[in-house]
Amino acid sequence: MLTEIRVPKLNMTGWSFQKFNRRAQDWAIVGVAAWKSKSDSGVALVNMGSTPILATSVSAAVNKGASAADAAELAANEAEPQSDLNASSEYRVHLAKVLVRRALEQATS
């Protein structure tokens, strides 16, 4: 039984969690968690594959100085989105790009 989770506080780090769902109680069709510090960043995607995905190509682009919009275009590089009743794989890719851009913009502001 899990009784406690400790997450260290990241000083001088911005972060954001973005998700898209149709109703407030629904599971996210696509979710994005992003964090950015002065020298490093990370982006994770939810519901873009069978497990959560670390979007290393997005992080690498951000760390090399790419804009949030340019880095977001790489959002689906490591993903294998599946179509289902909620969204097609193409729609999930589009959502991932939009949500990654928003998350990166919020994490750096």
PDB file of N, CA and C in Angstrom:
ATOM      1  N   MET A   1       0.825  -1.150   0.000  1.00  0.00           N
ATOM      2  CA  MET A   1       0.000   0.000   0.000  1.00  0.00           C
ATOM      3  C   MET A   1       0.892   1.243   0.000  1.00  0.00           C
ATOM      4  N   LEU A   2       0.595   2.143  -0.877  1.00  0.00           N
ATOM      5  CA  LEU A   2       1.325   3.398  -0.969  1.00  0.00           C
ATOM      6  C   LEU A   2       0.794   4.349   0.091  1.00  0.00           C
ATOM      7  N   THR A   3       1.664   4.852   0.931  1.00  0.00           N
ATOM      8  CA  THR A   3       1.225   5.745   2.010  1.00  0.00           C
ATOM      9  C   THR A   3       1.747   7.162   1.871  1.00  0.00           C
ATOM     10  N   GLU A   4       2.792   7.347   1.072  1.00  0.00           N
ATOM     11  CA  GLU A   4       3.359   8.687   0.954  1.00  0.00           C
ATOM     12  C   GLU A   4       4.194   8.777  -0.313  1.00  0.00           C
ATOM     13  N   ILE A   5       4.150   9.951  -0.925  1.00  0.00           N
ATOM     14  CA  ILE A   5       5.014  10.259  -2.065  1.00  0.00           C
ATOM     15  C   ILE A   5       5.674  11.588  -1.770  1.00  0.00           C
ATOM     16  N   ARG A   6       6.992  11.633  -1.893  1.00  0.00           N
ATOM     17  CA  ARG A   6       7.730  12.881  -1.685  1.00  0.00           C
ATOM     18  C   ARG A   6       8.335  13.314  -3.008  1.00  0.00           C
ATOM     19  N   VAL A   7       8.061  14.540  -3.364  1.00  0.00           N
ATOM     20  CA  VAL A   7       8.584  15.115  -4.591  1.00  0.00           C
ATOM     21  C   VAL A   7       9.416  16.323  -4.201  1.00  0.00           C
ATOM     22  N   PRO A   8      10.692  16.337  -4.573  1.00  0.00           N
ATOM     23  CA  PRO A   8      11.520  17.479  -4.189  1.00  0.00           C
ATOM     24  C   PRO A   8      11.074  18.750  -4.924  1.00  0.00           C
ATOM     25  N   LYS A   9      11.138  19.852  -4.220  1.00  0.00           N
ATOM     26  CA  LYS A   9      10.797  21.140  -4.804  1.00  0.00           C
ATOM     27  C   LYS A   9      11.921  21.568  -5.737  1.00  0.00           C
ATOM     28  N   LEU A  10      11.553  21.946  -6.943  1.00  0.00           N
ATOM     29  CA  LEU A  10      12.538  22.423  -7.910  1.00  0.00           C
ATOM     30  C   LEU A  10      12.578  23.939  -7.837  1.00  0.00           C
ATOM     31  N   ASN A  11      13.668  24.474  -7.339  1.00  0.00           N
ATOM     32  CA  ASN A  11      13.807  25.925  -7.236  1.00  0.00           C
ATOM     33  C   ASN A  11      14.040  26.535  -8.609  1.00  0.00           C
ATOM     34  N   MET A  12      13.475  27.716  -8.779  1.00  0.00           N
ATOM     35  CA  MET A  12      13.659  28.474 -10.019  1.00  0.00           C
ATOM     36  C   MET A  12      13.191  27.694 -11.248  1.00  0.00           C
ATOM     37  N   THR A  13      12.090  26.969 -11.108  1.00  0.00           N
ATOM     38  CA  THR A  13      11.566  26.178 -12.203  1.00  0.00           C
ATOM     39  C   THR A  13      10.108  26.533 -12.433  1.00  0.00           C
ATOM     40  N   GLY A  14       9.760  26.736 -13.704  1.00  0.00           N
ATOM     41  CA  GLY A  14       8.366  26.937 -14.073  1.00  0.00           C
ATOM     42  C   GLY A  14       7.788  25.620 -14.554  1.00  0.00           C
ATOM     43  N   TRP A  15       6.493  25.450 -14.396  1.00  0.00           N
ATOM     44  CA  TRP A  15       5.862  24.207 -14.813  1.00  0.00           C
ATOM     45  C   TRP A  15       4.434  24.486 -15.269  1.00  0.00           C
ATOM     46  N   SER A  16       3.869  23.509 -15.962  1.00  0.00           N
ATOM     47  CA  SER A  16       2.486  23.621 -16.410  1.00  0.00           C
ATOM     48  C   SER A  16       1.928  22.235 -16.684  1.00  0.00           C
ATOM     49  N   PHE A  17       0.648  22.060 -16.436  1.00  0.00           N
ATOM     50  CA  PHE A  17      -0.068  20.850 -16.834  1.00  0.00           C
ATOM     51  C   PHE A  17      -1.272  21.289 -17.643  1.00  0.00           C
ATOM     52  N   GLN A  18      -1.366  20.809 -18.845  1.00  0.00           N
ATOM     53  CA  GLN A  18      -2.467  21.135 -19.749  1.00  0.00           C
ATOM     54  C   GLN A  18      -3.170  19.836 -20.136  1.00  0.00           C
ATOM     55  N   LYS A  19      -4.487  19.877 -20.225  1.00  0.00           N
ATOM     56  CA  LYS A  19      -5.222  18.702 -20.694  1.00  0.00           C
ATOM     57  C   LYS A  19      -6.433  19.152 -21.485  1.00  0.00           C
ATOM     58  N   PHE A  20      -6.871  18.270 -22.361  1.00  0.00           N
ATOM     59  CA  PHE A  20      -8.071  18.536 -23.129  1.00  0.00           C
ATOM     60  C   PHE A  20      -9.040  17.397 -22.876  1.00  0.00           C
ATOM     61  N   ASN A  21     -10.224  17.752 -22.416  1.00  0.00           N
ATOM     62  CA  ASN A  21     -11.287  16.777 -22.249  1.00  0.00           C
ATOM     63  C   ASN A  21     -12.614  17.446 -22.580  1.00  0.00           C
ATOM     64  N   ARG A  22     -13.602  16.649 -22.903  1.00  0.00           N
ATOM     65  CA  ARG A  22     -14.890  17.216 -23.296  1.00  0.00           C
ATOM     66  C   ARG A  22     -15.687  17.721 -22.101  1.00  0.00           C
ATOM     67  N   ARG A  23     -15.679  16.989 -21.000  1.00  0.00           N
ATOM     68  CA  ARG A  23     -16.383  17.392 -19.790  1.00  0.00           C
ATOM     69  C   ARG A  23     -15.404  17.351 -18.622  1.00  0.00           C
ATOM     70  N   ALA A  24     -15.691  18.094 -17.582  1.00  0.00           N
ATOM     71  CA  ALA A  24     -14.756  18.210 -16.464  1.00  0.00           C
ATOM     72  C   ALA A  24     -14.412  16.864 -15.833  1.00  0.00           C
ATOM     73  N   GLN A  25     -15.333  15.928 -15.794  1.00  0.00           N
ATOM     74  CA  GLN A  25     -15.090  14.643 -15.144  1.00  0.00           C
ATOM     75  C   GLN A  25     -14.474  13.606 -16.067  1.00  0.00           C
ATOM     76  N   ASP A  26     -14.368  13.880 -17.346  1.00  0.00           N
ATOM     77  CA  ASP A  26     -13.821  12.919 -18.309  1.00  0.00           C
ATOM     78  C   ASP A  26     -12.314  12.780 -18.161  1.00  0.00           C
ATOM     79  N   TRP A  27     -11.808  11.624 -18.584  1.00  0.00           N
ATOM     80  CA  TRP A  27     -10.363  11.445 -18.719  1.00  0.00           C
ATOM     81  C   TRP A  27      -9.873  12.378 -19.809  1.00  0.00           C
ATOM     82  N   ALA A  28      -8.653  12.818 -19.708  1.00  0.00           N
ATOM     83  CA  ALA A  28      -8.071  13.697 -20.727  1.00  0.00           C
ATOM     84  C   ALA A  28      -7.915  12.938 -22.037  1.00  0.00           C
ATOM     85  N   ILE A  29      -8.312  13.561 -23.133  1.00  0.00           N
ATOM     86  CA  ILE A  29      -8.054  12.980 -24.454  1.00  0.00           C
ATOM     87  C   ILE A  29      -6.557  13.044 -24.708  1.00  0.00           C
ATOM     88  N   VAL A  30      -5.943  14.166 -24.361  1.00  0.00           N
ATOM     89  CA  VAL A  30      -4.486  14.335 -24.374  1.00  0.00           C
ATOM     90  C   VAL A  30      -4.117  15.211 -23.182  1.00  0.00           C
ATOM     91  N   GLY A  31      -3.040  14.863 -22.505  1.00  0.00           N
ATOM     92  CA  GLY A  31      -2.533  15.663 -21.403  1.00  0.00           C
ATOM     93  C   GLY A  31      -1.043  15.905 -21.565  1.00  0.00           C
ATOM     94  N   VAL A  32      -0.575  17.059 -21.096  1.00  0.00           N
ATOM     95  CA  VAL A  32       0.834  17.436 -21.222  1.00  0.00           C
ATOM     96  C   VAL A  32       1.318  18.017 -19.894  1.00  0.00           C
ATOM     97  N   ALA A  33       2.435  17.526 -19.412  1.00  0.00           N
ATOM     98  CA  ALA A  33       3.108  18.104 -18.251  1.00  0.00           C
ATOM     99  C   ALA A  33       4.455  18.623 -18.734  1.00  0.00           C
ATOM    100  N   ALA A  34       4.770  19.872 -18.399  1.00  0.00           N
ATOM    101  CA  ALA A  34       6.040  20.471 -18.834  1.00  0.00           C
ATOM    102  C   ALA A  34       6.661  21.250 -17.682  1.00  0.00           C
ATOM    103  N   TRP A  35       7.979  21.212 -17.618  1.00  0.00           N
ATOM    104  CA  TRP A  35       8.721  22.038 -16.664  1.00  0.00           C
ATOM    105  C   TRP A  35       9.944  22.598 -17.360  1.00  0.00           C
ATOM    106  N   LYS A  36      10.383  23.770 -16.887  1.00  0.00           N
ATOM    107  CA  LYS A  36      11.539  24.432 -17.496  1.00  0.00           C
ATOM    108  C   LYS A  36      12.298  25.184 -16.425  1.00  0.00           C
ATOM    109  N   SER A  37      13.595  24.928 -16.382  1.00  0.00           N
ATOM    110  CA  SER A  37      14.479  25.711 -15.521  1.00  0.00           C
ATOM    111  C   SER A  37      15.429  26.475 -16.438  1.00  0.00           C
ATOM    112  N   LYS A  38      16.414  27.120 -15.867  1.00  0.00           N
ATOM    113  CA  LYS A  38      17.343  27.901 -16.690  1.00  0.00           C
ATOM    114  C   LYS A  38      18.089  27.044 -17.695  1.00  0.00           C
ATOM    115  N   SER A  39      18.462  25.824 -17.317  1.00  0.00           N
ATOM    116  CA  SER A  39      19.317  25.022 -18.192  1.00  0.00           C
ATOM    117  C   SER A  39      18.722  23.696 -18.634  1.00  0.00           C
ATOM    118  N   ASP A  40      17.526  23.374 -18.201  1.00  0.00           N
ATOM    119  CA  ASP A  40      16.968  22.064 -18.524  1.00  0.00           C
ATOM    120  C   ASP A  40      15.451  22.159 -18.633  1.00  0.00           C
ATOM    121  N   SER A  41      14.850  21.156 -19.254  1.00  0.00           N
ATOM    122  CA  SER A  41      13.401  21.118 -19.390  1.00  0.00           C
ATOM    123  C   SER A  41      12.945  19.672 -19.544  1.00  0.00           C
ATOM    124  N   GLY A  42      11.653  19.480 -19.418  1.00  0.00           N
ATOM    125  CA  GLY A  42      11.076  18.160 -19.606  1.00  0.00           C
ATOM    126  C   GLY A  42       9.629  18.285 -20.037  1.00  0.00           C
ATOM    127  N   VAL A  43       9.189  17.365 -20.885  1.00  0.00           N
ATOM    128  CA  VAL A  43       7.803  17.340 -21.360  1.00  0.00           C
ATOM    129  C   VAL A  43       7.339  15.895 -21.372  1.00  0.00           C
ATOM    130  N   ALA A  44       6.170  15.655 -20.802  1.00  0.00           N
ATOM    131  CA  ALA A  44       5.580  14.319 -20.801  1.00  0.00           C
ATOM    132  C   ALA A  44       4.186  14.399 -21.403  1.00  0.00           C
ATOM    133  N   LEU A  45       3.809  13.349 -22.124  1.00  0.00           N
ATOM    134  CA  LEU A  45       2.507  13.284 -22.789  1.00  0.00           C
ATOM    135  C   LEU A  45       1.695  12.134 -22.212  1.00  0.00           C
ATOM    136  N   VAL A  46       0.407  12.364 -22.029  1.00  0.00           N
ATOM    137  CA  VAL A  46      -0.518  11.349 -21.540  1.00  0.00           C
ATOM    138  C   VAL A  46      -1.553  11.068 -22.623  1.00  0.00           C
ATOM    139  N   ASN A  47      -1.892   9.812 -22.798  1.00  0.00           N
ATOM    140  CA  ASN A  47      -2.867   9.339 -23.792  1.00  0.00           C
ATOM    141  C   ASN A  47      -2.405   9.557 -25.227  1.00  0.00           C
ATOM    142  N   MET A  48      -1.106   9.514 -25.423  1.00  0.00           N
ATOM    143  CA  MET A  48      -0.532   9.552 -26.772  1.00  0.00           C
ATOM    144  C   MET A  48       0.137   8.222 -27.090  1.00  0.00           C
ATOM    145  N   GLY A  49      -0.133   7.217 -26.299  1.00  0.00           N
ATOM    146  CA  GLY A  49       0.406   5.877 -26.466  1.00  0.00           C
ATOM    147  C   GLY A  49      -0.167   5.006 -25.359  1.00  0.00           C
ATOM    148  N   SER A  50       0.309   3.790 -25.266  1.00  0.00           N
ATOM    149  CA  SER A  50      -0.224   2.883 -24.256  1.00  0.00           C
ATOM    150  C   SER A  50       0.238   3.232 -22.842  1.00  0.00           C
ATOM    151  N   THR A  51       1.305   4.008 -22.716  1.00  0.00           N
ATOM    152  CA  THR A  51       1.807   4.484 -21.427  1.00  0.00           C
ATOM    153  C   THR A  51       2.183   5.960 -21.575  1.00  0.00           C
ATOM    154  N   PRO A  52       2.351   6.685 -20.485  1.00  0.00           N
ATOM    155  CA  PRO A  52       2.840   8.070 -20.601  1.00  0.00           C
ATOM    156  C   PRO A  52       4.197   8.103 -21.310  1.00  0.00           C
ATOM    157  N   ILE A  53       4.433   9.173 -22.038  1.00  0.00           N
ATOM    158  CA  ILE A  53       5.616   9.276 -22.893  1.00  0.00           C
ATOM    159  C   ILE A  53       6.428  10.500 -22.513  1.00  0.00           C
ATOM    160  N   LEU A  54       7.726  10.335 -22.399  1.00  0.00           N
ATOM    161  CA  LEU A  54       8.640  11.445 -22.207  1.00  0.00           C
ATOM    162  C   LEU A  54       9.037  11.955 -23.589  1.00  0.00           C
ATOM    163  N   ALA A  55       8.671  13.179 -23.900  1.00  0.00           N
ATOM    164  CA  ALA A  55       8.932  13.756 -25.219  1.00  0.00           C
ATOM    165  C   ALA A  55      10.335  14.352 -25.252  1.00  0.00           C
ATOM    166  N   THR A  56      11.330  13.502 -25.437  1.00  0.00           N
ATOM    167  CA  THR A  56      12.722  13.927 -25.377  1.00  0.00           C
ATOM    168  C   THR A  56      13.092  14.861 -26.525  1.00  0.00           C
ATOM    169  N   SER A  57      12.461  14.697 -27.685  1.00  0.00           N
ATOM    170  CA  SER A  57      12.789  15.583 -28.810  1.00  0.00           C
ATOM    171  C   SER A  57      12.330  17.006 -28.538  1.00  0.00           C
ATOM    172  N   VAL A  58      11.206  17.168 -27.842  1.00  0.00           N
ATOM    173  CA  VAL A  58      10.735  18.507 -27.484  1.00  0.00           C
ATOM    174  C   VAL A  58      11.704  19.143 -26.491  1.00  0.00           C
ATOM    175  N   SER A  59      12.077  18.387 -25.468  1.00  0.00           N
ATOM    176  CA  SER A  59      13.014  18.904 -24.461  1.00  0.00           C
ATOM    177  C   SER A  59      14.350  19.290 -25.086  1.00  0.00           C
ATOM    178  N   ALA A  60      14.850  18.454 -25.994  1.00  0.00           N
ATOM    179  CA  ALA A  60      16.120  18.749 -26.657  1.00  0.00           C
ATOM    180  C   ALA A  60      16.021  20.036 -27.461  1.00  0.00           C
ATOM    181  N   ALA A  61      14.906  20.234 -28.155  1.00  0.00           N
ATOM    182  CA  ALA A  61      14.730  21.453 -28.942  1.00  0.00           C
ATOM    183  C   ALA A  61      14.667  22.686 -28.045  1.00  0.00           C
ATOM    184  N   VAL A  62      13.947  22.588 -26.939  1.00  0.00           N
ATOM    185  CA  VAL A  62      13.854  23.721 -26.005  1.00  0.00           C
ATOM    186  C   VAL A  62      15.224  24.034 -25.428  1.00  0.00           C
ATOM    187  N   ASN A  63      15.974  23.001 -25.054  1.00  0.00           N
ATOM    188  CA  ASN A  63      17.304  23.202 -24.468  1.00  0.00           C
ATOM    189  C   ASN A  63      18.287  23.811 -25.465  1.00  0.00           C
ATOM    190  N   LYS A  64      18.035  23.622 -26.763  1.00  0.00           N
ATOM    191  CA  LYS A  64      18.891  24.217 -27.795  1.00  0.00           C
ATOM    192  C   LYS A  64      18.430  25.619 -28.181  1.00  0.00           C
ATOM    193  N   GLY A  65      17.330  26.108 -27.559  1.00  0.00           N
ATOM    194  CA  GLY A  65      16.892  27.475 -27.808  1.00  0.00           C
ATOM    195  C   GLY A  65      15.712  27.622 -28.742  1.00  0.00           C
ATOM    196  N   ALA A  66      15.043  26.538 -29.110  1.00  0.00           N
ATOM    197  CA  ALA A  66      13.879  26.629 -29.991  1.00  0.00           C
ATOM    198  C   ALA A  66      12.738  27.326 -29.270  1.00  0.00           C
ATOM    199  N   SER A  67      11.908  27.995 -30.027  1.00  0.00           N
ATOM    200  CA  SER A  67      10.726  28.633 -29.444  1.00  0.00           C
ATOM    201  C   SER A  67       9.727  27.558 -29.029  1.00  0.00           C
ATOM    202  N   ALA A  68       8.759  27.948 -28.215  1.00  0.00           N
ATOM    203  CA  ALA A  68       7.735  26.998 -27.780  1.00  0.00           C
ATOM    204  C   ALA A  68       6.963  26.443 -28.975  1.00  0.00           C
ATOM    205  N   ALA A  69       6.662  27.288 -29.936  1.00  0.00           N
ATOM    206  CA  ALA A  69       5.914  26.839 -31.121  1.00  0.00           C
ATOM    207  C   ALA A  69       6.729  25.859 -31.956  1.00  0.00           C
ATOM    208  N   ASP A  70       8.010  26.144 -32.146  1.00  0.00           N
ATOM    209  CA  ASP A  70       8.859  25.246 -32.933  1.00  0.00           C
ATOM    210  C   ASP A  70       9.060  23.911 -32.220  1.00  0.00           C
ATOM    211  N   ALA A  71       9.273  23.945 -30.916  1.00  0.00           N
ATOM    212  CA  ALA A  71       9.462  22.712 -30.149  1.00  0.00           C
ATOM    213  C   ALA A  71       8.181  21.887 -30.128  1.00  0.00           C
ATOM    214  N   ALA A  72       7.027  22.543 -30.065  1.00  0.00           N
ATOM    215  CA  ALA A  72       5.743  21.838 -30.017  1.00  0.00           C
ATOM    216  C   ALA A  72       5.477  21.040 -31.287  1.00  0.00           C
ATOM    217  N   GLU A  73       6.042  21.450 -32.392  1.00  0.00           N
ATOM    218  CA  GLU A  73       5.861  20.704 -33.640  1.00  0.00           C
ATOM    219  C   GLU A  73       6.457  19.299 -33.547  1.00  0.00           C
ATOM    220  N   LEU A  74       7.355  19.080 -32.599  1.00  0.00           N
ATOM    221  CA  LEU A  74       7.989  17.773 -32.415  1.00  0.00           C
ATOM    222  C   LEU A  74       7.250  16.909 -31.395  1.00  0.00           C
ATOM    223  N   ALA A  75       6.096  17.374 -30.929  1.00  0.00           N
ATOM    224  CA  ALA A  75       5.400  16.733 -29.813  1.00  0.00           C
ATOM    225  C   ALA A  75       5.091  15.263 -30.044  1.00  0.00           C
ATOM    226  N   ALA A  76       4.777  14.874 -31.231  1.00  0.00           N
ATOM    227  CA  ALA A  76       4.352  13.491 -31.483  1.00  0.00           C
ATOM    228  C   ALA A  76       5.481  12.590 -31.976  1.00  0.00           C
ATOM    229  N   ASN A  77       6.724  13.069 -31.972  1.00  0.00           N
ATOM    230  CA  ASN A  77       7.830  12.267 -32.500  1.00  0.00           C
ATOM    231  C   ASN A  77       7.981  10.924 -31.814  1.00  0.00           C
ATOM    232  N   GLU A  78       7.858  10.879 -30.490  1.00  0.00           N
ATOM    233  CA  GLU A  78       8.020   9.619 -29.757  1.00  0.00           C
ATOM    234  C   GLU A  78       6.688   8.917 -29.504  1.00  0.00           C
ATOM    235  N   ALA A  79       5.590   9.521 -29.920  1.00  0.00           N
ATOM    236  CA  ALA A  79       4.258   9.001 -29.599  1.00  0.00           C
ATOM    237  C   ALA A  79       3.725   8.057 -30.667  1.00  0.00           C
ATOM    238  N   GLU A  80       2.824   7.202 -30.228  1.00  0.00           N
ATOM    239  CA  GLU A  80       2.082   6.317 -31.122  1.00  0.00           C
ATOM    240  C   GLU A  80       0.604   6.395 -30.754  1.00  0.00           C
ATOM    241  N   PRO A  81      -0.045   7.537 -31.057  1.00  0.00           N
ATOM    242  CA  PRO A  81      -1.432   7.711 -30.639  1.00  0.00           C
ATOM    243  C   PRO A  81      -2.355   6.749 -31.370  1.00  0.00           C
ATOM    244  N   GLN A  82      -3.359   6.274 -30.647  1.00  0.00           N
ATOM    245  CA  GLN A  82      -4.339   5.360 -31.202  1.00  0.00           C
ATOM    246  C   GLN A  82      -5.674   6.075 -31.350  1.00  0.00           C
ATOM    247  N   SER A  83      -6.407   5.720 -32.386  1.00  0.00           N
ATOM    248  CA  SER A  83      -7.766   6.238 -32.542  1.00  0.00           C
ATOM    249  C   SER A  83      -8.702   5.454 -31.634  1.00  0.00           C
ATOM    250  N   ASP A  84      -9.702   6.148 -31.098  1.00  0.00           N
ATOM    251  CA  ASP A  84     -10.743   5.480 -30.320  1.00  0.00           C
ATOM    252  C   ASP A  84     -12.029   6.281 -30.461  1.00  0.00           C
ATOM    253  N   LEU A  85     -13.012   6.014 -29.618  1.00  0.00           N
ATOM    254  CA  LEU A  85     -14.297   6.715 -29.698  1.00  0.00           C
ATOM    255  C   LEU A  85     -14.170   8.204 -29.410  1.00  0.00           C
ATOM    256  N   ASN A  86     -13.160   8.602 -28.655  1.00  0.00           N
ATOM    257  CA  ASN A  86     -13.002  10.002 -28.268  1.00  0.00           C
ATOM    258  C   ASN A  86     -12.269  10.852 -29.293  1.00  0.00           C
ATOM    259  N   ALA A  87     -11.302  10.269 -29.996  1.00  0.00           N
ATOM    260  CA  ALA A  87     -10.495  11.070 -30.922  1.00  0.00           C
ATOM    261  C   ALA A  87      -9.729  10.171 -31.881  1.00  0.00           C
ATOM    262  N   SER A  88      -9.506  10.686 -33.079  1.00  0.00           N
ATOM    263  CA  SER A  88      -8.656   9.978 -34.046  1.00  0.00           C
ATOM    264  C   SER A  88      -7.196  10.227 -33.680  1.00  0.00           C
ATOM    265  N   SER A  89      -6.315   9.427 -34.222  1.00  0.00           N
ATOM    266  CA  SER A  89      -4.886   9.624 -33.932  1.00  0.00           C
ATOM    267  C   SER A  89      -4.405  10.971 -34.471  1.00  0.00           C
ATOM    268  N   GLU A  90      -4.935  11.409 -35.603  1.00  0.00           N
ATOM    269  CA  GLU A  90      -4.549  12.700 -36.165  1.00  0.00           C
ATOM    270  C   GLU A  90      -4.974  13.850 -35.254  1.00  0.00           C
ATOM    271  N   TYR A  91      -6.160  13.735 -34.679  1.00  0.00           N
ATOM    272  CA  TYR A  91      -6.649  14.767 -33.767  1.00  0.00           C
ATOM    273  C   TYR A  91      -5.799  14.804 -32.500  1.00  0.00           C
ATOM    274  N   ARG A  92      -5.399  13.648 -32.005  1.00  0.00           N
ATOM    275  CA  ARG A  92      -4.542  13.588 -30.825  1.00  0.00           C
ATOM    276  C   ARG A  92      -3.194  14.259 -31.103  1.00  0.00           C
ATOM    277  N   VAL A  93      -2.637  14.053 -32.284  1.00  0.00           N
ATOM    278  CA  VAL A  93      -1.373  14.704 -32.646  1.00  0.00           C
ATOM    279  C   VAL A  93      -1.561  16.217 -32.656  1.00  0.00           C
ATOM    280  N   HIS A  94      -2.656  16.679 -33.247  1.00  0.00           N
ATOM    281  CA  HIS A  94      -2.932  18.119 -33.272  1.00  0.00           C
ATOM    282  C   HIS A  94      -3.058  18.667 -31.848  1.00  0.00           C
ATOM    283  N   LEU A  95      -3.836  17.979 -31.005  1.00  0.00           N
ATOM    284  CA  LEU A  95      -3.995  18.415 -29.618  1.00  0.00           C
ATOM    285  C   LEU A  95      -2.659  18.448 -28.882  1.00  0.00           C
ATOM    286  N   ALA A  96      -1.831  17.443 -29.097  1.00  0.00           N
ATOM    287  CA  ALA A  96      -0.524  17.396 -28.432  1.00  0.00           C
ATOM    288  C   ALA A  96       0.311  18.614 -28.796  1.00  0.00           C
ATOM    289  N   LYS A  97       0.329  18.985 -30.053  1.00  0.00           N
ATOM    290  CA  LYS A  97       1.108  20.144 -30.485  1.00  0.00           C
ATOM    291  C   LYS A  97       0.601  21.432 -29.835  1.00  0.00           C
ATOM    292  N   VAL A  98      -0.715  21.605 -29.803  1.00  0.00           N
ATOM    293  CA  VAL A  98      -1.305  22.807 -29.203  1.00  0.00           C
ATOM    294  C   VAL A  98      -1.033  22.844 -27.701  1.00  0.00           C
ATOM    295  N   LEU A  99      -1.243  21.717 -27.023  1.00  0.00           N
ATOM    296  CA  LEU A  99      -1.075  21.693 -25.572  1.00  0.00           C
ATOM    297  C   LEU A  99       0.392  21.802 -25.155  1.00  0.00           C
ATOM    298  N   VAL A 100       1.302  21.235 -25.922  1.00  0.00           N
ATOM    299  CA  VAL A 100       2.722  21.374 -25.614  1.00  0.00           C
ATOM    300  C   VAL A 100       3.149  22.830 -25.752  1.00  0.00           C
ATOM    301  N   ARG A 101       2.705  23.497 -26.803  1.00  0.00           N
ATOM    302  CA  ARG A 101       3.030  24.922 -26.964  1.00  0.00           C
ATOM    303  C   ARG A 101       2.512  25.723 -25.783  1.00  0.00           C
ATOM    304  N   ARG A 102       1.255  25.496 -25.395  1.00  0.00           N
ATOM    305  CA  ARG A 102       0.673  26.228 -24.251  1.00  0.00           C
ATOM    306  C   ARG A 102       1.433  25.940 -22.956  1.00  0.00           C
ATOM    307  N   ALA A 103       1.765  24.675 -22.746  1.00  0.00           N
ATOM    308  CA  ALA A 103       2.466  24.297 -21.507  1.00  0.00           C
ATOM    309  C   ALA A 103       3.837  24.937 -21.454  1.00  0.00           C
ATOM    310  N   LEU A 104       4.567  24.908 -22.564  1.00  0.00           N
ATOM    311  CA  LEU A 104       5.902  25.511 -22.580  1.00  0.00           C
ATOM    312  C   LEU A 104       5.834  27.022 -22.375  1.00  0.00           C
ATOM    313  N   GLU A 105       4.851  27.654 -22.985  1.00  0.00           N
ATOM    314  CA  GLU A 105       4.693  29.109 -22.808  1.00  0.00           C
ATOM    315  C   GLU A 105       4.393  29.441 -21.354  1.00  0.00           C
ATOM    316  N   GLN A 106       3.537  28.657 -20.718  1.00  0.00           N
ATOM    317  CA  GLN A 106       3.200  28.925 -19.324  1.00  0.00           C
ATOM    318  C   GLN A 106       4.379  28.602 -18.400  1.00  0.00           C
ATOM    319  N   ALA A 107       5.112  27.557 -18.693  1.00  0.00           N
ATOM    320  CA  ALA A 107       6.244  27.170 -17.841  1.00  0.00           C
ATOM    321  C   ALA A 107       7.372  28.191 -17.900  1.00  0.00           C
ATOM    322  N   THR A 108       7.485  28.933 -18.985  1.00  0.00           N
ATOM    323  CA  THR A 108       8.564  29.910 -19.119  1.00  0.00           C
ATOM    324  C   THR A 108       8.134  31.323 -18.740  1.00  0.00           C
ATOM    325  N   SER A 109       6.860  31.509 -18.437  1.00  0.00           N
ATOM    326  CA  SER A 109       6.412  32.862 -18.087  1.00  0.00           C
ATOM    327  C   SER A 109       6.554  33.160 -16.616  1.00  0.00           C
TER     328      SER A 109
END
